[in-house]
Structure formats: structure tokens, C-alpha cells
Amino acid sequence: MTNKTSDSSASSPSPKPGATDSLWQPSWLHWLISALSGTVEIEKQTAWLKKHNEELRQENARLREQNAKLEEIDRKLEEIDRKYATKKPKSDTN
């Protein structure tokens, strides 16, 4: 009959003499993976924000052009009003 070892001891390697603390390595590796994952996520968000900001700049430019056109139309309408506005003679008013 063979001795049965526990699952945890079978899956984890035994520390070698002179090796650094086995607890330090997984926590360091975990920290590195987390840091790199965070960096990737931040870079994704930064790229999305840059794209979104460019879209907003383009939309603002389009709206400024429309606003300038509306102001021009409004100015022309005011000129037409002044040019063609007629005063009613006093006899027309009751």
C-alpha cells in the first residue's frame, strides 16, 4: 500500500535549499501580473478617451460652423426687416 500525499503537497514544489522565500515569489508574480493588467486597462481607457475627445472636437467644430451659419442667416433677416419694414400711416391705426 502506498502512502497517499495530500493534494496541496503534491501540486506545490518543495523549496530548494538556498532558494528565496517561496511566499515572496508568488506574491511578487501576482503583483507584477496585476500591475501589468492595470497598465493595459489604463492604456485601453486612455485610447478610448483620446478617440472620444477627438469625436467631441469634431462635433464642436461642426456645431460652431452651424452656429456661424445661423448667425449669418439671422443678420440677413434683420437687414431684410429693416429694409422692407414699412411704417403704417397714422390714418390706418384706429
Protein backbone atom coordinates (compact mmCIF):
# COMPACT_ATOMS: atom_id res chain seq x y z
CA MET A 1 0.00 0.00 0.00
CA THR A 2 1.39 3.35 -0.99
CA ASN A 3 1.29 6.46 1.11
CA LYS A 4 -1.19 8.96 -0.19
CA THR A 5 0.03 12.54 -0.21
CA SER A 6 -2.28 15.49 0.18
CA ASP A 7 -3.30 17.42 -2.93
CA SER A 8 -1.59 20.59 -1.76
CA SER A 9 1.78 18.95 -1.20
CA ALA A 10 1.55 17.08 -4.50
CA SER A 11 0.84 20.22 -6.50
CA SER A 12 3.34 22.59 -4.87
CA PRO A 13 7.03 22.04 -5.46
CA SER A 14 9.28 21.61 -2.47
CA PRO A 15 11.56 24.58 -1.85
CA LYS A 16 15.15 24.07 -2.90
CA PRO A 17 17.92 24.82 -0.46
CA GLY A 18 19.16 28.38 -0.91
CA ALA A 19 16.09 29.45 -2.88
CA THR A 20 14.41 32.67 -1.95
CA ASP A 21 11.34 32.56 0.25
CA SER A 22 8.64 30.65 -1.66
CA LEU A 23 5.93 33.04 -0.37
CA TRP A 24 7.73 36.03 -1.87
CA GLN A 25 7.76 34.70 -5.42
CA PRO A 26 4.00 34.15 -5.88
CA SER A 27 3.15 37.50 -4.27
CA TRP A 28 5.73 39.25 -6.45
CA LEU A 29 4.43 37.47 -9.52
CA HIS A 30 0.86 38.30 -8.55
CA TRP A 31 1.88 41.96 -8.08
CA LEU A 32 3.58 42.02 -11.48
CA ILE A 33 0.58 40.49 -13.24
CA SER A 34 -1.77 42.90 -11.50
CA ALA A 35 0.44 45.86 -12.35
CA LEU A 36 0.69 44.86 -15.99
CA SER A 37 -3.04 44.16 -16.20
CA GLY A 38 -3.76 47.55 -14.69
CA THR A 39 -1.40 49.19 -17.15
CA VAL A 40 -3.11 47.52 -20.07
CA GLU A 41 -6.54 48.58 -18.78
CA ILE A 42 -5.36 52.16 -18.25
CA GLU A 43 -3.93 52.23 -21.77
CA LYS A 44 -7.24 50.94 -23.17
CA GLN A 45 -9.16 53.64 -21.29
CA THR A 46 -6.68 56.31 -22.39
CA ALA A 47 -7.05 55.28 -26.04
CA TRP A 48 -10.85 55.31 -25.70
CA LEU A 49 -10.76 58.77 -24.11
CA LYS A 50 -8.50 60.14 -26.84
CA LYS A 51 -10.84 58.79 -29.51
CA HIS A 52 -13.89 60.15 -27.69
CA ASN A 53 -12.24 63.56 -27.23
CA GLU A 54 -11.44 63.72 -30.95
CA GLU A 55 -15.07 62.90 -31.77
CA LEU A 56 -16.20 65.66 -29.42
CA ARG A 57 -13.78 68.15 -31.02
CA GLN A 58 -15.17 67.31 -34.44
CA GLU A 59 -18.74 67.67 -33.18
CA ASN A 60 -17.89 71.03 -31.59
CA ALA A 61 -16.34 72.24 -34.85
CA ARG A 62 -19.48 71.17 -36.74
CA LEU A 63 -21.70 72.96 -34.24
CA ARG A 64 -19.57 76.12 -34.45
CA GLU A 65 -19.98 76.09 -38.24
CA GLN A 66 -23.74 75.67 -37.89
CA ASN A 67 -23.86 78.46 -35.33
CA ALA A 68 -21.94 80.79 -37.65
CA LYS A 69 -24.36 79.97 -40.48
CA LEU A 70 -27.36 80.65 -38.23
CA GLU A 71 -25.89 83.96 -37.13
CA GLU A 72 -25.36 84.92 -40.78
CA ILE A 73 -28.97 84.00 -41.63
CA ASP A 74 -30.22 85.94 -38.60
CA ARG A 75 -28.19 89.01 -39.63
CA LYS A 76 -29.60 88.82 -43.17
CA LEU A 77 -33.15 88.54 -41.83
CA GLU A 78 -32.61 91.62 -39.68
CA GLU A 79 -31.33 93.53 -42.72
CA ILE A 80 -34.40 92.46 -44.72
CA ASP A 81 -36.68 93.51 -41.85
CA ARG A 82 -35.05 96.96 -41.72
CA LYS A 83 -35.06 97.33 -45.47
CA TYR A 84 -38.65 96.26 -46.12
CA ALA A 85 -40.32 97.18 -42.88
CA THR A 86 -42.97 99.76 -43.60
CA LYS A 87 -44.49 102.04 -41.10
CA LYS A 88 -48.24 102.14 -41.16
CA PRO A 89 -49.62 105.55 -41.80
CA LYS A 90 -51.28 107.10 -38.79
CA SER A 91 -54.63 107.02 -40.56
CA ASP A 92 -54.52 103.18 -40.69
CA THR A 93 -54.32 102.85 -36.94
CA ASN A 94 -57.63 103.19 -35.10
